[in-house]
Protein backbone atom coordinates (compact mmCIF):
# COMPACT_ATOMS: atom_id res chain seq x y z
CA MET A 1 -35.29 21.32 16.64
CA SER A 2 -32.56 20.91 19.16
CA ASP A 3 -32.99 17.10 19.70
CA SER A 4 -33.46 16.38 15.98
CA THR A 5 -30.30 18.45 15.05
CA LYS A 6 -28.27 16.76 17.73
CA VAL A 7 -29.17 13.33 16.40
CA LEU A 8 -28.23 14.41 12.88
CA LEU A 9 -24.92 15.74 14.02
CA ASN A 10 -24.35 12.63 16.32
CA ILE A 11 -24.22 14.70 19.58
CA GLU A 12 -25.07 12.66 22.62
CA ASP A 13 -24.19 15.30 25.31
CA LYS A 14 -27.58 16.09 27.06
CA ASN A 15 -26.02 19.41 28.35
CA VAL A 16 -25.66 20.73 24.91
CA PHE A 17 -28.57 22.74 23.54
CA ILE A 18 -28.83 23.87 19.79
CA ASP A 19 -29.82 27.42 19.46
CA GLU A 20 -29.69 28.13 15.71
CA VAL A 21 -28.42 26.48 12.52
CA VAL A 22 -27.37 28.72 9.59
CA ARG A 23 -25.98 27.56 6.28
CA ASP A 24 -23.73 29.87 4.23
CA ASP A 25 -21.56 29.37 1.12
CA GLN A 26 -18.69 27.84 3.14
CA ALA A 27 -20.21 25.63 5.84
CA MET A 28 -23.09 24.88 8.11
CA GLN A 29 -22.86 27.10 11.19
CA VAL A 30 -24.41 25.65 14.28
CA LYS A 31 -24.85 27.85 17.28
CA ALA A 32 -25.23 26.03 20.67
CA HIS A 33 -24.66 26.40 24.32
CA LEU A 34 -23.36 24.14 27.16
CA THR A 35 -24.52 24.52 30.64
CA TYR A 36 -25.27 22.36 33.73
CA VAL A 37 -25.05 22.54 37.49
CA PRO A 38 -21.53 21.17 38.51
CA LYS A 39 -21.34 18.65 41.26
CA ALA A 40 -17.91 19.91 42.39
CA CYS A 41 -15.17 22.43 41.57
CA SER A 42 -12.77 21.06 39.05
CA GLU A 43 -9.99 23.20 40.62
CA CYS A 44 -10.16 22.39 44.25
CA GLY A 45 -12.58 19.45 44.37
CA VAL A 46 -14.93 20.93 46.83
CA LEU A 47 -18.58 19.77 46.45
CA ASN A 48 -20.94 22.32 45.15
CA GLN A 49 -23.21 23.31 48.03
CA HIS A 50 -24.30 26.47 46.48
CA SER A 51 -20.61 27.59 46.51
CA ILE A 52 -20.27 27.57 42.67
CA ILE A 53 -21.93 30.14 40.63
CA LYS A 54 -22.32 30.83 36.96
CA TYR A 55 -19.74 33.48 35.87
CA GLY A 56 -20.56 34.19 32.21
CA TRP A 57 -19.83 32.36 28.97
CA ARG A 58 -16.82 31.50 26.75
CA THR A 59 -17.30 30.63 23.10
CA VAL A 60 -15.27 27.85 21.41
CA HIS A 61 -15.33 26.81 17.76
CA VAL A 62 -15.65 23.03 17.11
CA ARG A 63 -15.24 21.25 13.77
CA LEU A 64 -17.68 18.39 13.34
CA PRO A 65 -17.80 15.64 10.60
CA LYS A 66 -19.43 16.77 7.35
CA THR A 67 -23.20 16.32 6.91
CA GLY A 68 -24.53 16.05 3.46
CA GLU A 69 -21.26 17.15 1.95
CA TRP A 70 -21.50 20.35 4.01
CA ALA A 71 -18.67 21.21 6.43
CA VAL A 72 -20.08 21.71 9.93
CA VAL A 73 -18.75 24.25 12.43
CA MET A 74 -20.25 24.47 15.88
CA HIS A 75 -19.97 27.80 17.83
CA LEU A 76 -20.43 26.43 21.31
CA ARG A 77 -20.89 28.76 24.18
CA LYS A 78 -19.53 27.13 27.28
CA GLN A 79 -20.74 28.06 30.80
CA TYR A 80 -18.00 29.64 32.82
CA TYR A 81 -18.09 29.08 36.64
CA GLU A 82 -16.52 30.62 39.72
CA CYS A 83 -15.90 28.71 42.99
CA HIS A 84 -16.28 30.72 46.24
CA ALA A 85 -14.29 28.27 48.19
CA CYS A 86 -10.94 28.59 46.15
CA ARG A 87 -11.83 31.69 44.03
CA GLY A 88 -10.99 29.61 41.05
CA HIS A 89 -12.65 29.64 37.63
CA PHE A 90 -13.37 26.78 35.23
CA LEU A 91 -15.31 26.02 32.05
CA ALA A 92 -18.09 23.40 31.64
CA HIS A 93 -16.90 20.13 30.20
CA THR A 94 -18.38 18.27 27.24
CA SER A 95 -17.97 14.91 25.48
CA ILE A 96 -18.10 16.51 22.11
CA VAL A 97 -14.53 17.77 22.08
CA LYS A 98 -11.37 17.49 24.10
CA ARG A 99 -10.24 20.24 26.32
CA ASN A 100 -8.18 22.88 24.47
CA CYS A 101 -8.92 21.19 20.99
CA SER A 102 -11.20 22.50 18.27
CA ILE A 103 -11.70 19.12 16.45
CA SER A 104 -14.46 16.89 17.83
CA TYR A 105 -14.11 13.33 19.10
CA ASN A 106 -16.41 12.11 16.21
CA THR A 107 -14.03 13.57 13.79
CA HIS A 108 -11.13 11.67 15.44
CA GLN A 109 -13.16 8.49 15.21
CA ALA A 110 -14.18 9.06 11.55
CA CYS A 111 -10.46 9.79 10.64
CA LEU A 112 -9.30 6.55 12.35
CA SER A 113 -12.03 4.58 10.38
CA LYS A 114 -10.97 6.19 7.12
CA LEU A 115 -7.30 5.33 7.57
CA ASN A 116 -8.28 1.64 6.87
CA GLU A 117 -9.39 2.65 3.33
CA SER A 118 -6.98 2.80 0.23
CA VAL A 119 -6.95 6.63 0.03
CA SER A 120 -4.36 9.27 0.64
CA MET A 121 -4.17 11.41 3.91
CA LYS A 122 -5.04 14.43 1.82
CA HIS A 123 -8.24 12.89 0.59
CA ILE A 124 -9.28 11.93 4.18
CA ALA A 125 -8.54 15.58 5.27
CA GLN A 126 -10.86 16.84 2.54
CA GLU A 127 -13.62 14.44 3.60
CA LEU A 128 -13.38 15.42 7.23
CA ASN A 129 -12.82 19.20 6.72
CA THR A 130 -9.41 19.00 8.43
CA SER A 131 -5.80 19.15 7.45
CA PRO A 132 -3.38 16.42 6.36
CA ASN A 133 -1.37 17.12 9.35
CA PHE A 134 -4.30 16.29 11.67
CA VAL A 135 -4.69 12.92 9.88
CA SER A 136 -1.05 12.31 10.39
CA ARG A 137 -1.24 13.14 14.18
CA VAL A 138 -4.16 10.70 14.53
CA LEU A 139 -2.22 7.93 12.79
CA ASN A 140 0.90 8.66 14.94
CA HIS A 141 -1.19 8.65 18.12
CA PHE A 142 -2.52 5.17 17.51
CA SER A 143 0.71 3.77 16.03
CA SER A 144 1.97 2.90 19.54
CA ASP A 145 -0.82 0.39 19.80
CA PHE A 146 0.70 -1.68 16.98
CA LYS A 147 3.99 -2.87 18.31
CA THR A 148 6.17 -5.44 16.62
CA ASP A 149 6.24 -8.81 18.25
CA TYR A 150 9.88 -9.79 18.54
CA HIS A 151 9.05 -13.19 19.95
CA HIS A 152 7.60 -14.65 16.74
CA LEU A 153 8.33 -14.92 13.03
CA PRO A 154 6.18 -16.67 10.35
CA ALA A 155 7.45 -19.73 8.57
CA ALA A 156 7.01 -17.82 5.22
CA LEU A 157 8.40 -14.31 5.34
CA HIS A 158 7.72 -12.08 2.39
CA ILE A 159 9.72 -9.00 1.80
CA ASP A 160 9.48 -6.15 -0.77
CA GLU A 161 10.19 -2.42 -1.05
CA ILE A 162 8.11 0.63 -1.58
CA LYS A 163 8.97 4.27 -2.22
CA SER A 164 9.74 6.04 1.05
CA THR A 165 8.10 9.18 2.43
CA LYS A 166 10.19 12.43 2.83
CA ASP A 167 10.84 11.69 6.58
CA ALA A 168 12.44 8.25 5.91
CA GLN A 169 16.10 7.68 5.92
CA GLY A 170 16.43 6.17 2.60
CA SER A 171 14.65 6.56 -0.86
CA MET A 172 13.05 3.05 -0.54
CA SER A 173 11.41 1.48 2.45
CA CYS A 174 11.25 -2.22 3.29
CA VAL A 175 7.84 -4.05 3.84
CA LEU A 176 7.56 -7.36 5.65
CA MET A 177 4.53 -9.67 5.50
CA ASP A 178 3.47 -12.90 7.15
CA GLY A 179 3.06 -15.19 4.19
CA ASP A 180 1.03 -17.77 6.04
CA HIS A 181 -1.73 -15.48 7.07
CA GLN A 182 -1.14 -12.57 4.53
CA LEU A 183 -0.77 -10.05 7.40
CA LEU A 184 1.50 -7.00 7.16
CA ARG A 185 4.18 -7.29 9.91
CA ASP A 186 6.29 -4.17 9.75
CA ILE A 187 7.67 -1.34 7.54
CA LEU A 188 11.25 -0.29 7.85
CA ASP A 189 12.47 3.10 6.46
CA VAL A 190 15.71 1.59 5.05
CA ARG A 191 16.44 -1.56 3.07
CA THR A 192 20.28 -1.91 3.21
CA LEU A 193 21.76 -5.21 4.36
CA PRO A 194 23.33 -3.72 7.52
CA ALA A 195 20.09 -2.10 8.68
CA LEU A 196 18.11 -5.20 7.98
CA THR A 197 20.71 -7.35 9.84
CA ARG A 198 20.46 -5.09 12.88
CA TYR A 199 16.71 -5.14 12.86
CA PHE A 200 16.32 -8.97 12.59
CA LYS A 201 18.98 -9.48 15.25
CA ARG A 202 16.47 -8.15 17.74
CA TYR A 203 14.88 -11.52 17.32
CA ASP A 204 16.37 -14.55 19.23
CA LEU A 205 18.17 -17.12 17.03
CA GLU A 206 15.47 -19.66 18.06
CA VAL A 207 12.77 -17.36 16.65
CA ARG A 208 14.76 -16.70 13.46
CA ASN A 209 15.19 -20.49 12.97
CA GLN A 210 11.33 -20.61 12.46
CA VAL A 211 11.58 -18.99 9.10
CA ARG A 212 11.62 -21.63 6.33
CA PHE A 213 10.82 -19.55 3.28
CA LEU A 214 12.14 -16.02 2.39
CA VAL A 215 9.90 -14.85 -0.58
CA THR A 216 11.34 -11.81 -2.43
CA ASP A 217 11.90 -10.34 -5.88
CA MET A 218 15.25 -10.24 -7.71
CA ASN A 219 16.74 -7.84 -5.27
CA TYR A 220 20.41 -8.89 -4.50
CA THR A 221 20.23 -7.75 -0.88
CA TYR A 222 17.38 -9.73 0.70
CA PRO A 223 18.65 -13.30 -0.19
CA GLN A 224 21.83 -12.62 1.66
CA LEU A 225 19.82 -12.57 4.84
CA THR A 226 19.68 -16.37 4.72
CA GLU A 227 23.54 -16.62 5.29
CA GLU A 228 23.47 -15.20 8.78
CA ILE A 229 19.95 -14.11 9.90
CA PHE A 230 17.72 -17.08 8.67
CA PRO A 231 19.98 -20.20 8.48
CA ASN A 232 17.07 -22.51 7.96
CA ALA A 233 15.31 -20.55 5.26
CA ILE A 234 15.43 -21.00 1.42
CA VAL A 235 14.94 -18.17 -1.00
CA ILE A 236 11.95 -18.14 -3.28
CA ILE A 237 11.77 -15.58 -6.04
CA ASP A 238 8.41 -14.30 -7.00
CA ARG A 239 7.29 -15.97 -10.37
CA PHE A 240 6.10 -12.63 -11.73
CA HIS A 241 9.62 -11.13 -11.65
CA ILE A 242 11.08 -14.22 -13.31
CA ILE A 243 8.54 -14.04 -16.18
CA ASN A 244 9.11 -10.32 -16.41
CA ALA A 245 12.88 -10.66 -16.73
CA ILE A 246 12.43 -13.22 -19.51
CA GLN A 247 9.87 -11.03 -21.36
CA ARG A 248 12.00 -8.02 -20.95
CA GLY A 249 14.88 -9.73 -22.73
CA LEU A 250 12.42 -10.64 -25.58
CA ASN A 251 11.14 -7.00 -25.76
CA LYS A 252 14.70 -5.66 -25.99
CA THR A 253 15.46 -8.01 -28.87
CA ARG A 254 12.20 -6.90 -30.62
CA ILE A 255 13.26 -3.29 -30.33
CA GLU A 256 16.63 -3.98 -31.68
CA VAL A 257 15.13 -5.66 -34.73
CA MET A 258 12.51 -2.93 -35.07
CA LYS A 259 15.28 -0.35 -35.37
CA GLN A 260 16.54 -2.12 -38.49
CA PHE A 261 13.65 -0.86 -40.51
CA ALA A 262 12.54 2.52 -41.49
CA THR A 263 9.92 4.04 -39.10
CA SER A 264 7.45 4.41 -41.98
CA SER A 265 7.76 0.75 -43.06
CA ARG A 266 5.09 -1.87 -42.48
CA GLU A 267 7.58 -4.08 -40.74
CA TYR A 268 8.47 -1.34 -38.15
CA LYS A 269 4.84 -0.49 -37.49
CA ALA A 270 3.86 -4.23 -37.12
CA LEU A 271 6.74 -5.00 -34.66
CA LYS A 272 5.78 -1.86 -32.60
CA LYS A 273 2.04 -2.45 -32.62
CA TYR A 274 1.81 -6.13 -31.89
CA TRP A 275 4.47 -6.54 -29.12
CA LYS A 276 1.83 -7.87 -26.70
CA LEU A 277 1.12 -10.87 -29.04
CA LEU A 278 4.84 -11.79 -28.79
CA LEU A 279 4.60 -12.00 -25.00
CA LYS A 280 1.48 -14.02 -25.07
CA PRO A 281 1.84 -17.78 -24.36
CA ALA A 282 1.96 -19.62 -27.69
CA ALA A 283 -0.61 -22.15 -26.52
CA ASN A 284 -3.09 -19.25 -25.93
CA LEU A 285 -2.74 -17.76 -29.46
CA ASP A 286 -5.92 -17.86 -31.62
CA TYR A 287 -5.31 -19.97 -34.68
CA LYS A 288 -9.05 -20.41 -35.70
CA ASN A 289 -10.62 -17.01 -35.84
CA PHE A 290 -9.60 -14.56 -38.60
CA HIS A 291 -9.51 -10.78 -37.85
CA ARG A 292 -8.51 -7.56 -39.55
CA PHE A 293 -5.03 -6.50 -38.32
CA SER A 294 -3.64 -3.28 -39.30
CA GLN A 295 -0.30 -3.48 -41.31
CA PHE A 296 -1.68 -6.65 -42.94
CA LYS A 297 -3.60 -6.55 -46.14
CA TYR A 298 -5.76 -9.61 -45.48
CA PHE A 299 -7.76 -11.15 -42.67
CA THR A 300 -5.45 -13.45 -40.60
CA THR A 301 -5.15 -15.10 -37.21
CA GLU A 302 -2.95 -14.30 -34.34
CA VAL A 303 -0.69 -17.31 -35.11
CA ASP A 304 -0.16 -16.03 -38.64
CA VAL A 305 0.75 -12.52 -37.29
CA ILE A 306 3.41 -14.08 -34.98
CA ASP A 307 4.78 -16.12 -37.84
CA ASN A 308 5.01 -13.00 -40.04
CA LEU A 309 6.90 -11.02 -37.35
CA LEU A 310 9.22 -13.83 -36.60
CA SER A 311 10.05 -14.14 -40.29
CA LEU A 312 11.41 -10.67 -40.26
CA SER A 313 14.55 -11.81 -38.18
CA PRO A 314 16.08 -15.09 -37.42
CA GLU A 315 17.38 -13.59 -34.16
CA LEU A 316 13.96 -12.57 -33.07
CA ALA A 317 12.62 -16.04 -33.93
CA GLN A 318 15.44 -17.65 -31.81
CA VAL A 319 14.81 -15.47 -28.83
CA TYR A 320 11.07 -16.07 -29.03
CA ALA A 321 11.56 -19.82 -28.93
CA TYR A 322 13.83 -19.54 -25.95
CA ALA A 323 11.45 -17.13 -24.08
CA GLN A 324 8.36 -19.49 -24.81
CA ARG A 325 10.22 -22.40 -23.43
CA LEU A 326 11.53 -20.65 -20.30
CA CYS A 327 8.12 -18.98 -19.50
CA GLY A 328 6.30 -22.29 -20.16
CA ALA A 329 8.66 -24.06 -17.68
CA VAL A 330 8.03 -21.49 -15.04
CA ARG A 331 4.20 -21.58 -15.51
CA THR A 332 4.08 -25.36 -15.37
CA HIS A 333 6.60 -25.55 -12.41
CA ASP A 334 8.83 -27.93 -14.50
CA VAL A 335 12.25 -27.76 -13.01
CA GLU A 336 13.82 -30.25 -15.52
CA GLU A 337 12.52 -28.34 -18.51
CA LEU A 338 13.80 -25.06 -17.08
CA ARG A 339 17.27 -26.50 -16.71
CA ASN A 340 17.14 -27.73 -20.28
CA ALA A 341 15.80 -24.48 -21.66
CA LEU A 342 18.61 -22.55 -19.83
CA ALA A 343 21.25 -24.82 -21.15
CA ASP A 344 19.91 -24.59 -24.80
CA SER A 345 19.70 -20.89 -24.67
CA VAL A 346 23.41 -20.31 -23.86
CA GLY A 347 24.87 -18.16 -26.61
CA ALA A 348 21.56 -16.29 -27.19
CA PRO A 349 21.73 -12.68 -28.35
CA GLU A 350 23.18 -10.17 -25.84
CA THR A 351 19.94 -8.26 -25.51
CA PHE A 352 18.27 -11.44 -24.20
CA GLU A 353 21.24 -12.90 -22.30
CA THR A 354 21.67 -9.83 -20.11
CA CYS A 355 18.11 -10.22 -18.68
CA LEU A 356 18.89 -13.85 -17.79
CA THR A 357 21.89 -12.92 -15.69
CA TYR A 358 20.10 -13.27 -12.26
CA ILE A 359 18.38 -16.49 -13.30
CA ARG A 360 21.75 -18.16 -14.37
CA GLU A 361 23.59 -16.90 -11.33
CA HIS A 362 20.97 -18.24 -8.82
CA PRO A 363 19.37 -21.30 -10.41
CA ASP A 364 18.63 -22.69 -6.86
CA TYR A 365 16.44 -19.73 -6.11
CA ILE A 366 14.47 -20.26 -9.35
CA GLU A 367 14.08 -23.99 -8.67
CA ASN A 368 12.89 -23.37 -5.19
CA THR A 369 10.20 -21.16 -6.73
CA LEU A 370 8.97 -23.87 -8.94
CA ARG A 371 8.91 -26.55 -6.15
CA HIS A 372 7.01 -24.34 -3.82
CA LYS A 373 4.34 -22.85 -5.99
CA ASP A 374 2.06 -21.80 -3.16
CA TYR A 375 4.23 -18.86 -2.25
CA SER A 376 4.12 -15.57 -4.11
CA ASN A 377 4.64 -11.87 -3.37
CA GLY A 378 1.31 -11.18 -5.02
CA PRO A 379 -0.49 -10.40 -1.68
CA LEU A 380 2.46 -8.10 -0.56
CA GLU A 381 2.45 -6.26 -3.90
CA GLY A 382 -1.28 -5.67 -3.52
CA THR A 383 -0.79 -4.31 0.03
CA ASN A 384 1.88 -2.05 -1.21
CA ASN A 385 -0.59 -0.21 -3.39
CA ARG A 386 -2.65 0.55 -0.15
CA ILE A 387 0.33 2.03 1.80
């Protein structure tokens, strides 16, 4: 039973012997003992020439990785020795657990492996029968192995923010990614311009000149880094945020029109229910197949639903046309069409115009986005969900 149990528990120390295995309501209790003939005294270093004798036992409790969804606790009796040469005492050593520690090496390795998964520290702690603080200590212990390389920067630097943890300086942290290889470079606990400037000035100017593209969202802070820190870089705004700003303006206009009708009216309910159709590209609307749409008395197509909604308000119809042109220009990377659409939409309703403020103030950023369509913050946004 001893050898088979050791294989099941992944114990390779030949000096550990399993005595008994008992399973209760809380965990699997493994009773074992550790003994061997020491080659030398660990206190004075004198070779064992019948000068070291066994001097009783000391019991330690070791937490092992779960087996079959059962928590495993080993009650290990360690041999205690006395050296006649120095009159010192010492315990038998094992490869199962570190000295003065109650969590096994296998648990440490399993924790490090699970830190690569998209799960929380609390979940890892529950899986390994440990505490979140233990998982945090393992992460901090190995964090020194991942040091920032201040002698290289990628040609495409992606930058975004995530919500900070409680121990961070600011409420939002800054995340950096190598856009060429889609590898996470660093996480900063602040995102203010002075802090970012101090951080990037650790790099030599020659290294900072390697950055050609700074890919970000519509944050006002990050593009300012190109003025002093990255003189050779151009700013690229993530296309998702451009489309989102345009559609947000359309949605605000729809809500303003919706408020003009009674909440019990068919018009109000139709505008509230079919808002997604208004955001859908006009070219993708179904004009062939008829379906039953609530708030409509007859079978109709998606195109007819849109026409019906736009007929409720000339203002909504105008904004819808502007939004379709602008989004279409971004999707097709048509710089000239974007310029024309922005010029034609001057004087649009305020609910729509306020959402275009950033786009109108920084047309060069938007045009850079359309000219360099291979760069997007999508990989970084996906990585943020795993942090």
